C-alpha atoms as a PDB file:
ATOM      1  CA  MET A   1      -7.737   6.856 -16.972  1.00  0.00           C
ATOM      2  CA  VAL A   2      -4.525   4.883 -16.600  1.00  0.00           C
ATOM      3  CA  PRO A   3      -4.444   3.046 -13.235  1.00  0.00           C
ATOM      4  CA  ARG A   4      -1.797   4.086 -10.769  1.00  0.00           C
ATOM      5  CA  ARG A   5      -0.856   0.458 -10.211  1.00  0.00           C
ATOM      6  CA  ARG A   6       0.322   0.851  -6.653  1.00  0.00           C
ATOM      7  CA  THR A   7       0.348  -2.016  -4.199  1.00  0.00           C
ATOM      8  CA  LYS A   8      -1.387  -2.074  -0.818  1.00  0.00           C
ATOM      9  CA  SER A   9       0.141  -3.084   2.474  1.00  0.00           C
ATOM     10  CA  ALA A  10      -2.058  -5.702   4.117  1.00  0.00           C
ATOM     11  CA  ALA A  11      -0.859  -4.642   7.562  1.00  0.00           C
ATOM     12  CA  VAL A  12      -1.846  -0.985   7.420  1.00  0.00           C
ATOM     13  CA  GLY A  13      -3.969  -0.743   4.287  1.00  0.00           C
ATOM     14  CA  LYS A  14      -1.813   2.040   2.883  1.00  0.00           C
ATOM     15  CA  VAL A  15      -0.872   2.516  -0.763  1.00  0.00           C
ATOM     16  CA  THR A  16       2.861   1.956  -1.227  1.00  0.00           C
ATOM     17  CA  GLY A  17       5.394   1.659  -4.001  1.00  0.00           C
ATOM     18  CA  PRO A  18       5.781   3.401  -7.362  1.00  0.00           C
ATOM     19  CA  ASP A  19       2.881   4.454  -9.562  1.00  0.00           C
ATOM     20  CA  PHE A  20       2.204   6.030 -12.963  1.00  0.00           C
ATOM     21  CA  ALA A  21       1.393   9.518 -11.647  1.00  0.00           C
ATOM     22  CA  LEU A  22       4.532  11.283 -12.915  1.00  0.00           C
ATOM     23  CA  GLU A  23       4.060   9.767 -16.349  1.00  0.00           C
ATOM     24  CA  ILE A  24       0.396  10.836 -16.441  1.00  0.00           C
ATOM     25  CA  GLU A  25       1.396  14.403 -15.562  1.00  0.00           C
ATOM     26  CA  LEU A  26       3.695  14.358 -18.585  1.00  0.00           C
ATOM     27  CA  GLY A  27       0.937  13.092 -20.869  1.00  0.00           C
ATOM     28  CA  ALA A  28       1.834   9.415 -21.072  1.00  0.00           C
ATOM     29  CA  GLN A  29      -1.506   8.516 -22.660  1.00  0.00           C
ATOM     30  CA  LEU A  30      -0.476  10.432 -25.784  1.00  0.00           C
ATOM     31  CA  ARG A  31       3.321  10.710 -25.533  1.00  0.00           C
ATOM     32  CA  ARG A  32       6.157   8.281 -24.976  1.00  0.00           C
ATOM     33  CA  ILE A  33       7.618   8.724 -21.477  1.00  0.00           C
ATOM     34  CA  ALA A  34      10.731   6.721 -20.617  1.00  0.00           C
ATOM     35  CA  GLY A  35      12.064   5.696 -17.245  1.00  0.00           C
ATOM     36  CA  VAL A  36      15.842   5.466 -16.872  1.00  0.00           C
ATOM     37  CA  ASP A  37      17.928   3.864 -14.138  1.00  0.00           C
ATOM     38  CA  GLU A  38      21.362   2.371 -13.544  1.00  0.00           C
ATOM     39  CA  VAL A  39      22.808  -0.522 -11.615  1.00  0.00           C
ATOM     40  CA  GLY A  40      26.460  -0.860 -10.726  1.00  0.00           C
ATOM     41  CA  ARG A  41      27.518   2.615  -9.692  1.00  0.00           C
ATOM     42  CA  GLY A  42      28.764   1.477  -6.293  1.00  0.00           C
ATOM     43  CA  PRO A  43      30.743  -1.739  -6.945  1.00  0.00           C
ATOM     44  CA  ILE A  44      34.521  -1.784  -7.205  1.00  0.00           C
ATOM     45  CA  ALA A  45      34.439  -4.195 -10.148  1.00  0.00           C
ATOM     46  CA  GLY A  46      32.386  -4.756 -13.267  1.00  0.00           C
ATOM     47  CA  PRO A  47      30.480  -2.429 -15.585  1.00  0.00           C
ATOM     48  CA  VAL A  48      27.691   0.000 -14.922  1.00  0.00           C
ATOM     49  CA  VAL A  49      24.485  -1.031 -16.706  1.00  0.00           C
ATOM     50  CA  CYS A  50      21.713   1.403 -17.602  1.00  0.00           C
ATOM     51  CA  ALA A  51      18.245   0.732 -18.960  1.00  0.00           C
ATOM     52  CA  ALA A  52      15.578   2.897 -20.535  1.00  0.00           C
ATOM     53  CA  VAL A  53      11.983   1.647 -20.604  1.00  0.00           C
ATOM     54  CA  VAL A  54       8.836   3.054 -22.184  1.00  0.00           C
ATOM     55  CA  LEU A  55       5.885   1.213 -20.681  1.00  0.00           C
ATOM     56  CA  ASP A  56       2.683   0.555 -22.575  1.00  0.00           C
ATOM     57  CA  PRO A  57       0.177   2.542 -20.451  1.00  0.00           C
ATOM     58  CA  THR A  58      -2.534  -0.021 -21.154  1.00  0.00           C
ATOM     59  CA  ASN A  59      -0.511  -2.999 -19.930  1.00  0.00           C
ATOM     60  CA  ILE A  60       1.656  -1.987 -16.977  1.00  0.00           C
ATOM     61  CA  PRO A  61       3.115  -5.063 -15.260  1.00  0.00           C
ATOM     62  CA  ILE A  62       1.824  -5.725 -11.771  1.00  0.00           C
ATOM     63  CA  GLY A  63       4.374  -5.627  -8.949  1.00  0.00           C
ATOM     64  CA  LEU A  64       6.904  -3.150 -10.340  1.00  0.00           C
ATOM     65  CA  ASN A  65       9.124  -1.725  -7.621  1.00  0.00           C
ATOM     66  CA  ASP A  66      12.689  -0.734  -6.820  1.00  0.00           C
ATOM     67  CA  SER A  67      14.706  -3.772  -7.952  1.00  0.00           C
ATOM     68  CA  LYS A  68      16.511  -3.899  -4.602  1.00  0.00           C
ATOM     69  CA  LYS A  69      13.197  -4.574  -2.860  1.00  0.00           C
ATOM     70  CA  LEU A  70      12.338  -7.585  -5.034  1.00  0.00           C
ATOM     71  CA  THR A  71      13.539 -11.161  -4.854  1.00  0.00           C
ATOM     72  CA  GLU A  72      15.604 -12.554  -7.699  1.00  0.00           C
ATOM     73  CA  LYS A  73      12.694 -14.755  -8.771  1.00  0.00           C
ATOM     74  CA  VAL A  74      10.303 -11.799  -8.975  1.00  0.00           C
ATOM     75  CA  ARG A  75      12.881  -9.665 -10.800  1.00  0.00           C
ATOM     76  CA  GLU A  76      13.379 -12.389 -13.398  1.00  0.00           C
ATOM     77  CA  ARG A  77       9.634 -12.731 -13.959  1.00  0.00           C
ATOM     78  CA  LEU A  78       9.137  -8.994 -14.325  1.00  0.00           C
ATOM     79  CA  PHE A  79      12.218  -8.709 -16.546  1.00  0.00           C
ATOM     80  CA  ALA A  80      10.706 -11.187 -19.012  1.00  0.00           C
ATOM     81  CA  GLU A  81       7.364  -9.374 -18.947  1.00  0.00           C
ATOM     82  CA  ILE A  82       8.916  -5.934 -19.418  1.00  0.00           C
ATOM     83  CA  CYS A  83      11.112  -7.036 -22.318  1.00  0.00           C
ATOM     84  CA  ALA A  84       8.269  -8.907 -24.022  1.00  0.00           C
ATOM     85  CA  GLY A  85       5.665  -6.153 -24.023  1.00  0.00           C
ATOM     86  CA  HIS A  86       7.396  -2.793 -23.787  1.00  0.00           C
ATOM     87  CA  ASP A  87      10.120  -0.695 -25.461  1.00  0.00           C
ATOM     88  CA  VAL A  88      13.412  -1.475 -23.717  1.00  0.00           C
ATOM     89  CA  ALA A  89      16.997  -0.433 -24.396  1.00  0.00           C
ATOM     90  CA  ILE A  90      20.139  -1.339 -22.459  1.00  0.00           C
ATOM     91  CA  ALA A  91      23.595   0.217 -22.484  1.00  0.00           C
ATOM     92  CA  VAL A  92      26.767  -0.891 -20.724  1.00  0.00           C
ATOM     93  CA  GLY A  93      29.560   1.331 -19.420  1.00  0.00           C
ATOM     94  CA  SER A  94      32.738  -0.735 -19.354  1.00  0.00           C
ATOM     95  CA  VAL A  95      35.395  -0.702 -16.660  1.00  0.00           C
ATOM     96  CA  ALA A  96      37.716   1.036 -19.139  1.00  0.00           C
ATOM     97  CA  ARG A  97      35.094   3.749 -19.693  1.00  0.00           C
ATOM     98  CA  ILE A  98      34.658   4.203 -15.948  1.00  0.00           C
ATOM     99  CA  ASP A  99      38.400   4.436 -15.314  1.00  0.00           C
ATOM    100  CA  ALA A 100      38.911   6.837 -18.229  1.00  0.00           C
ATOM    101  CA  THR A 101      36.857   9.543 -16.518  1.00  0.00           C
ATOM    102  CA  ASP A 102      34.873   8.725 -13.382  1.00  0.00           C
ATOM    103  CA  ILE A 103      31.799   6.719 -12.445  1.00  0.00           C
ATOM    104  CA  ARG A 104      29.422   9.695 -12.610  1.00  0.00           C
ATOM    105  CA  ALA A 105      30.436  10.672 -16.145  1.00  0.00           C
ATOM    106  CA  ALA A 106      30.415   7.056 -17.280  1.00  0.00           C
ATOM    107  CA  THR A 107      26.957   6.511 -15.796  1.00  0.00           C
ATOM    108  CA  LEU A 108      25.440   9.603 -17.399  1.00  0.00           C
ATOM    109  CA  ASP A 109      26.927   8.686 -20.780  1.00  0.00           C
ATOM    110  CA  THR A 110      25.574   5.144 -20.464  1.00  0.00           C
ATOM    111  CA  MET A 111      22.135   6.482 -19.560  1.00  0.00           C
ATOM    112  CA  ARG A 112      22.198   8.696 -22.637  1.00  0.00           C
ATOM    113  CA  ARG A 113      23.096   5.759 -24.866  1.00  0.00           C
ATOM    114  CA  ALA A 114      20.280   3.684 -23.379  1.00  0.00           C
ATOM    115  CA  VAL A 115      17.715   6.397 -24.151  1.00  0.00           C
ATOM    116  CA  CYS A 116      19.077   6.785 -27.690  1.00  0.00           C
ATOM    117  CA  GLY A 117      18.779   3.015 -28.144  1.00  0.00           C
ATOM    118  CA  LEU A 118      14.992   2.954 -27.761  1.00  0.00           C
ATOM    119  CA  ALA A 119      12.978   2.015 -30.844  1.00  0.00           C
ATOM    120  CA  GLU A 120      11.647   5.588 -30.961  1.00  0.00           C
ATOM    121  CA  HIS A 121      12.867   8.633 -29.116  1.00  0.00           C
ATOM    122  CA  PRO A 122      10.665   9.422 -26.108  1.00  0.00           C
ATOM    123  CA  ALA A 123       9.014  12.781 -25.574  1.00  0.00           C
ATOM    124  CA  HIS A 124      10.405  12.983 -22.041  1.00  0.00           C
ATOM    125  CA  VAL A 125      12.546  10.889 -19.711  1.00  0.00           C
ATOM    126  CA  LEU A 126      12.322  10.374 -15.964  1.00  0.00           C
ATOM    127  CA  VAL A 127      15.779   9.644 -14.570  1.00  0.00           C
ATOM    128  CA  ASP A 128      16.450   8.142 -11.168  1.00  0.00           C
ATOM    129  CA  GLY A 129      18.757  10.341  -9.112  1.00  0.00           C
ATOM    130  CA  ILE A 130      19.761  13.989  -9.171  1.00  0.00           C
ATOM    131  CA  ASP A 131      21.224  14.320 -12.676  1.00  0.00           C
ATOM    132  CA  VAL A 132      19.722  14.451 -16.149  1.00  0.00           C
ATOM    133  CA  PRO A 133      22.272  13.070 -18.641  1.00  0.00           C
ATOM    134  CA  PRO A 134      23.518  15.647 -21.152  1.00  0.00           C
ATOM    135  CA  GLY A 135      22.911  15.025 -24.833  1.00  0.00           C
ATOM    136  CA  LEU A 136      19.483  13.408 -24.549  1.00  0.00           C
ATOM    137  CA  PRO A 137      17.223  13.593 -27.617  1.00  0.00           C
ATOM    138  CA  CYS A 138      14.415  15.013 -25.452  1.00  0.00           C
ATOM    139  CA  PRO A 139      13.821  16.845 -22.166  1.00  0.00           C
ATOM    140  CA  GLY A 140      14.358  14.990 -18.915  1.00  0.00           C
ATOM    141  CA  THR A 141      13.516  15.202 -15.235  1.00  0.00           C
ATOM    142  CA  ALA A 142      15.682  13.879 -12.397  1.00  0.00           C
ATOM    143  CA  VAL A 143      13.614  12.096  -9.750  1.00  0.00           C
ATOM    144  CA  THR A 144      15.215  11.467  -6.374  1.00  0.00           C
ATOM    145  CA  GLY A 145      14.250   7.987  -5.208  1.00  0.00           C
ATOM    146  CA  GLY A 146      12.627   7.520  -8.592  1.00  0.00           C
ATOM    147  CA  ASP A 147      12.603   3.727  -8.568  1.00  0.00           C
ATOM    148  CA  GLY A 148      10.230   3.929  -5.607  1.00  0.00           C
ATOM    149  CA  ARG A 149       8.033   6.605  -7.192  1.00  0.00           C
ATOM    150  CA  SER A 150       7.724   5.877 -10.907  1.00  0.00           C
ATOM    151  CA  VAL A 151       6.838   2.478 -12.369  1.00  0.00           C
ATOM    152  CA  SER A 152       8.772   3.382 -15.529  1.00  0.00           C
ATOM    153  CA  ILE A 153      11.946   3.987 -13.526  1.00  0.00           C
ATOM    154  CA  ALA A 154      11.256   0.874 -11.454  1.00  0.00           C
ATOM    155  CA  ALA A 155      10.982  -1.150 -14.663  1.00  0.00           C
ATOM    156  CA  ALA A 156      14.305   0.262 -15.845  1.00  0.00           C
ATOM    157  CA  SER A 157      15.916  -0.613 -12.505  1.00  0.00           C
ATOM    158  CA  ILE A 158      14.710  -4.210 -12.808  1.00  0.00           C
ATOM    159  CA  VAL A 159      16.024  -4.576 -16.351  1.00  0.00           C
ATOM    160  CA  ALA A 160      19.404  -3.087 -15.462  1.00  0.00           C
ATOM    161  CA  LYS A 161      19.702  -5.215 -12.307  1.00  0.00           C
ATOM    162  CA  VAL A 162      18.894  -8.506 -14.040  1.00  0.00           C
ATOM    163  CA  VAL A 163      21.260  -7.794 -16.939  1.00  0.00           C
ATOM    164  CA  ARG A 164      24.148  -6.767 -14.697  1.00  0.00           C
ATOM    165  CA  ASP A 165      23.661  -9.693 -12.304  1.00  0.00           C
ATOM    166  CA  ARG A 166      23.768 -12.075 -15.254  1.00  0.00           C
ATOM    167  CA  MET A 167      26.935 -10.418 -16.553  1.00  0.00           C
ATOM    168  CA  MET A 168      28.643 -10.721 -13.185  1.00  0.00           C
ATOM    169  CA  THR A 169      27.613 -14.368 -12.839  1.00  0.00           C
ATOM    170  CA  LEU A 170      29.309 -15.051 -16.178  1.00  0.00           C
ATOM    171  CA  ALA A 171      32.301 -13.019 -14.987  1.00  0.00           C
ATOM    172  CA  GLY A 172      32.596 -15.334 -11.986  1.00  0.00           C
ATOM    173  CA  ALA A 173      33.087 -18.276 -14.338  1.00  0.00           C
ATOM    174  CA  GLU A 174      35.526 -16.385 -16.568  1.00  0.00           C
ATOM    175  CA  HIS A 175      37.552 -14.994 -13.660  1.00  0.00           C
ATOM    176  CA  PRO A 176      37.312 -17.585 -10.868  1.00  0.00           C
ATOM    177  CA  GLY A 177      38.539 -16.797  -7.378  1.00  0.00           C
ATOM    178  CA  TRP A 178      37.161 -13.326  -6.782  1.00  0.00           C
ATOM    179  CA  GLY A 179      33.561 -14.470  -6.268  1.00  0.00           C
ATOM    180  CA  PHE A 180      31.918 -12.121  -8.762  1.00  0.00           C
ATOM    181  CA  GLU A 181      28.979 -14.509  -9.105  1.00  0.00           C
ATOM    182  CA  LYS A 182      28.180 -13.971  -5.415  1.00  0.00           C
ATOM    183  CA  HIS A 183      28.898 -10.342  -4.547  1.00  0.00           C
ATOM    184  CA  LYS A 184      28.460  -8.967  -8.107  1.00  0.00           C
ATOM    185  CA  GLY A 185      31.508  -6.745  -7.730  1.00  0.00           C
ATOM    186  CA  TYR A 186      30.482  -4.935  -4.544  1.00  0.00           C
ATOM    187  CA  GLY A 187      33.198  -4.388  -1.970  1.00  0.00           C
ATOM    188  CA  THR A 188      32.173  -7.024   0.550  1.00  0.00           C
ATOM    189  CA  ALA A 189      34.623  -8.393   3.115  1.00  0.00           C
ATOM    190  CA  VAL A 190      34.960 -11.614   1.108  1.00  0.00           C
ATOM    191  CA  HIS A 191      35.629  -9.656  -2.062  1.00  0.00           C
ATOM    192  CA  MET A 192      38.248  -7.459  -0.417  1.00  0.00           C
ATOM    193  CA  GLU A 193      40.037 -10.503   0.992  1.00  0.00           C
ATOM    194  CA  ALA A 194      40.137 -12.071  -2.476  1.00  0.00           C
ATOM    195  CA  LEU A 195      41.371  -8.803  -3.950  1.00  0.00           C
ATOM    196  CA  ARG A 196      44.232  -8.630  -1.452  1.00  0.00           C
ATOM    197  CA  ARG A 197      45.087 -12.274  -2.054  1.00  0.00           C
ATOM    198  CA  LEU A 198      44.820 -12.376  -5.844  1.00  0.00           C
ATOM    199  CA  GLY A 199      45.334  -8.784  -6.876  1.00  0.00           C
ATOM    200  CA  ALA A 200      43.146  -6.953  -9.360  1.00  0.00           C
ATOM    201  CA  SER A 201      41.384  -8.747 -12.204  1.00  0.00           C
ATOM    202  CA  PRO A 202      40.599  -7.133 -15.573  1.00  0.00           C
ATOM    203  CA  LEU A 203      37.165  -6.315 -14.163  1.00  0.00           C
ATOM    204  CA  HIS A 204      38.383  -4.257 -11.214  1.00  0.00           C
ATOM    205  CA  ARG A 205      37.996  -0.485 -11.359  1.00  0.00           C
ATOM    206  CA  ARG A 206      41.524   0.745 -10.819  1.00  0.00           C
ATOM    207  CA  SER A 207      40.337   4.331 -10.389  1.00  0.00           C
ATOM    208  CA  PHE A 208      38.424   3.306  -7.257  1.00  0.00           C
ATOM    209  CA  ALA A 209      40.349   3.879  -4.024  1.00  0.00           C
ATOM    210  CA  PRO A 210      39.926   0.378  -2.496  1.00  0.00           C
ATOM    211  CA  VAL A 211      41.333  -1.222  -5.655  1.00  0.00           C
ATOM    212  CA  ALA A 212      44.095   1.354  -6.064  1.00  0.00           C
ATOM    213  CA  ARG A 213      45.254   0.803  -2.473  1.00  0.00           C
ATOM    214  CA  VAL A 214      45.537  -2.939  -2.961  1.00  0.00           C
ATOM    215  CA  ILE A 215      47.469  -2.468  -6.211  1.00  0.00           C
ATOM    216  CA  ASP A 216      49.863  -0.011  -4.516  1.00  0.00           C
ATOM    217  CA  GLN A 217      50.480  -2.462  -1.671  1.00  0.00           C
ATOM    218  CA  ARG A 218      51.422  -5.393  -3.895  1.00  0.00           C
END
């Protein structure tokens, strides 16, 4: 039996966090089940990054959780472990791709490309959110709050978060002044002030209302 790999709260003794239950229901001992998640849907600048991960059921990393609930140090450690011992694929949806349609379409397309980039097609995918990307090479299930329920989705969220954060840190050096290395493209007060002062950079999503308003006012 594959362990559920949940963590326990010392304060209340309750089992919390994602586990492997959804994957077991789909036959993960015999079939490849992938978790899929994105990072970067909400920012006003930078790409959306999606990851697909098929975990080895016999070697699930300890401590997997929604990437937002983990420290940077823990995310980096788990990222290295996930990439070293499991099937991982990453896809990036550029700012141009986002602006050409909309963030939802760009995200779903990027998710699809991540799944198709795995070493072998999975038998089923678990996707964080309410949408299953069209054009997948296998069936899929949308899981609301999936990064807190499925360790496979949690692993994908960690991979996508680490990759995107690294990209935005590099973007901060390439496009100094906007502070991408700090806010990672999210519309913080500091970011909005820099946007009003400097205008839009090549990384800003011009189809997003906050960016469009600043451009119109200049």
